[in-house]
């Protein structure tokens, strides 16, 4: 079994997230039919975010250490009010908000941020080893977007 520092893993995940979707990184070749994939590598670590859909979407992030999967997170997000809100607005609010969160060196922890596209809020329980969470955007007095996620360490 590989030696793993949870602090080092957390630091890599924050860096990978900041340099993938949030950093508007180029997509890589899809790993599965119809998926959108974004990869990030640094030293012995590799990160893959693979998702399906657009406005309503489902995905999985995996971290590998020396080519062995050690951590993963699953997520499902959707626009709750498609008549008044769209994926572009949600994406802008998420990118602005998570950029601020990642600059603090974290991807978990209570967080909220006011944007032009609504108030982004994230709440979760646990730490990098095992967690569940929920994020949402309120706009014009209504919840317009939501995402559920969970993940943690993968052990043989």
Protein backbone atom coordinates (compact mmCIF):
# COMPACT_ATOMS: atom_id res chain seq x y z
CA UNK A 1 0.00 0.00 0.00
CA UNK A 2 1.22 3.49 -0.86
CA UNK A 3 2.20 5.97 1.85
CA UNK A 4 -0.35 8.76 1.85
CA UNK A 5 -0.38 12.11 3.59
CA UNK A 6 -3.95 13.46 3.86
CA UNK A 7 -2.62 17.03 3.95
CA UNK A 8 -0.63 16.41 0.74
CA UNK A 9 -3.66 14.76 -0.89
CA UNK A 10 -5.91 17.67 0.08
CA UNK A 11 -3.36 20.14 -1.31
CA UNK A 12 -3.17 18.23 -4.61
CA UNK A 13 -6.98 18.02 -4.93
CA UNK A 14 -7.33 21.78 -4.42
CA UNK A 15 -4.63 22.44 -7.03
CA UNK A 16 -6.17 19.94 -9.49
CA UNK A 17 -9.67 21.39 -9.11
CA UNK A 18 -8.35 24.94 -9.53
CA UNK A 19 -6.51 23.93 -12.71
CA UNK A 20 -9.25 21.86 -14.34
CA UNK A 21 -12.91 22.92 -14.72
CA UNK A 22 -12.54 26.04 -12.57
CA UNK A 23 -9.41 27.02 -14.49
CA UNK A 24 -11.29 26.44 -17.77
CA UNK A 25 -8.74 23.82 -18.81
CA UNK A 26 -8.98 22.17 -22.20
CA UNK A 27 -10.85 18.89 -22.30
CA UNK A 28 -8.94 15.70 -22.95
CA UNK A 29 -10.08 12.71 -24.98
CA UNK A 30 -13.18 11.13 -23.40
CA UNK A 31 -12.53 8.06 -21.27
CA UNK A 32 -16.13 6.86 -21.77
CA UNK A 33 -18.61 7.25 -24.60
CA UNK A 34 -20.23 10.70 -24.30
CA UNK A 35 -18.14 11.90 -21.36
CA UNK A 36 -16.35 15.22 -20.96
CA UNK A 37 -12.95 14.67 -19.36
CA UNK A 38 -10.41 17.05 -17.84
CA UNK A 39 -7.05 15.87 -16.50
CA UNK A 40 -4.37 17.36 -14.30
CA UNK A 41 -0.99 15.85 -13.38
CA UNK A 42 1.75 16.81 -10.96
CA UNK A 43 4.65 14.63 -9.83
CA UNK A 44 3.25 11.19 -8.87
CA UNK A 45 -0.35 12.41 -8.74
CA UNK A 46 -2.94 12.37 -11.51
CA UNK A 47 -6.50 13.76 -11.42
CA UNK A 48 -9.37 12.95 -13.77
CA UNK A 49 -12.74 14.72 -13.77
CA UNK A 50 -15.16 12.87 -16.06
CA UNK A 51 -18.78 14.00 -16.42
CA UNK A 52 -21.86 13.61 -18.60
CA UNK A 53 -24.40 16.27 -19.53
CA UNK A 54 -24.36 20.03 -19.39
CA UNK A 55 -27.17 21.88 -17.65
CA UNK A 56 -28.02 18.76 -15.68
CA UNK A 57 -24.93 16.60 -15.20
CA UNK A 58 -23.37 13.68 -13.38
CA UNK A 59 -19.68 13.06 -12.85
CA UNK A 60 -16.81 11.53 -10.98
CA UNK A 61 -13.38 12.80 -9.98
CA UNK A 62 -10.56 10.33 -9.30
CA UNK A 63 -7.07 10.91 -7.92
CA UNK A 64 -4.31 8.43 -8.69
CA UNK A 65 -0.99 8.15 -6.87
CA UNK A 66 1.65 6.29 -8.89
CA UNK A 67 -1.16 5.07 -11.20
CA UNK A 68 -3.17 3.58 -8.32
CA UNK A 69 -6.65 5.07 -7.60
CA UNK A 70 -6.62 6.44 -4.03
CA UNK A 71 -9.49 8.95 -3.83
CA UNK A 72 -12.76 9.65 -5.65
CA UNK A 73 -15.79 11.91 -5.55
CA UNK A 74 -19.17 11.53 -7.30
CA UNK A 75 -21.54 14.41 -8.02
CA UNK A 76 -24.93 15.21 -9.59
CA UNK A 77 -26.01 18.78 -10.34
CA UNK A 78 -28.98 20.38 -12.05
CA UNK A 79 -30.76 23.61 -12.83
CA UNK A 80 -33.84 23.70 -10.59
CA UNK A 81 -35.50 26.70 -12.30
CA UNK A 82 -34.80 26.33 -16.06
CA UNK A 83 -37.42 28.95 -16.98
CA UNK A 84 -35.43 31.68 -15.22
CA UNK A 85 -31.86 30.37 -14.92
CA UNK A 86 -29.41 28.53 -17.17
CA UNK A 87 -26.16 26.56 -17.10
CA UNK A 88 -24.04 29.52 -18.22
CA UNK A 89 -25.14 31.61 -15.23
CA UNK A 90 -24.61 28.68 -12.86
CA UNK A 91 -21.19 28.00 -14.35
CA UNK A 92 -20.14 31.63 -13.89
CA UNK A 93 -21.30 31.67 -10.25
CA UNK A 94 -19.57 28.36 -9.54
CA UNK A 95 -16.28 29.31 -11.21
CA UNK A 96 -16.12 32.67 -9.40
CA UNK A 97 -17.04 31.12 -6.04
CA UNK A 98 -14.86 28.02 -6.15
CA UNK A 99 -11.89 30.07 -7.38
CA UNK A 100 -12.12 32.02 -4.10
CA UNK A 101 -12.49 28.83 -2.05
CA UNK A 102 -9.49 27.15 -3.68
CA UNK A 103 -7.34 30.24 -3.13
CA UNK A 104 -7.96 29.63 0.58
CA UNK A 105 -6.37 26.17 0.10
CA UNK A 106 -9.54 24.18 0.68
CA UNK A 107 -12.28 22.39 -1.21
CA UNK A 108 -14.35 21.36 1.82
CA UNK A 109 -15.80 23.49 4.59
CA UNK A 110 -18.78 25.79 4.90
CA UNK A 111 -18.60 28.48 2.23
CA UNK A 112 -20.80 31.10 0.60
CA UNK A 113 -20.16 33.83 -1.94
CA UNK A 114 -22.28 36.59 -3.49
CA UNK A 115 -21.91 36.84 -7.27
CA UNK A 116 -23.68 38.68 -10.10
CA UNK A 117 -25.39 35.36 -10.87
CA UNK A 118 -26.68 34.68 -7.35
CA UNK A 119 -25.49 33.59 -3.94
CA UNK A 120 -23.44 30.40 -4.02
CA UNK A 121 -23.53 28.26 -0.85
CA UNK A 122 -21.73 25.00 -0.05
CA UNK A 123 -22.21 22.89 3.05
CA UNK A 124 -20.60 19.55 3.82
CA UNK A 125 -19.60 17.06 6.50
CA UNK A 126 -16.37 15.14 6.90
CA UNK A 127 -12.88 15.63 5.55
CA UNK A 128 -10.83 14.54 2.55
CA UNK A 129 -10.92 10.91 3.77
CA UNK A 130 -14.77 10.68 3.77
CA UNK A 131 -17.34 13.41 3.10
CA UNK A 132 -20.79 14.35 1.82
CA UNK A 133 -21.90 17.74 0.62
CA UNK A 134 -24.52 19.93 -1.01
CA UNK A 135 -24.09 23.17 -2.95
CA UNK A 136 -26.72 25.50 -4.32
CA UNK A 137 -27.31 28.90 -5.86
CA UNK A 138 -30.08 31.31 -4.81
CA UNK A 139 -31.05 33.96 -7.36
CA UNK A 140 -33.99 36.36 -7.16
CA UNK A 141 -35.19 34.80 -3.91
CA UNK A 142 -35.30 31.24 -5.34
CA UNK A 143 -33.02 28.21 -5.35
CA UNK A 144 -32.10 27.89 -9.04
CA UNK A 145 -29.28 25.31 -9.00
CA UNK A 146 -28.21 22.43 -6.76
CA UNK A 147 -25.51 19.76 -6.62
CA UNK A 148 -25.02 16.77 -4.31
CA UNK A 149 -21.59 15.19 -3.85
CA UNK A 150 -19.80 12.57 -1.79
CA UNK A 151 -16.45 10.82 -1.74
CA UNK A 152 -13.31 9.86 0.07
CA UNK A 153 -10.36 7.50 0.15
CA UNK A 154 -10.31 4.31 -1.90
CA UNK A 155 -8.72 1.41 -0.03
CA UNK A 156 -7.78 -2.04 -1.35
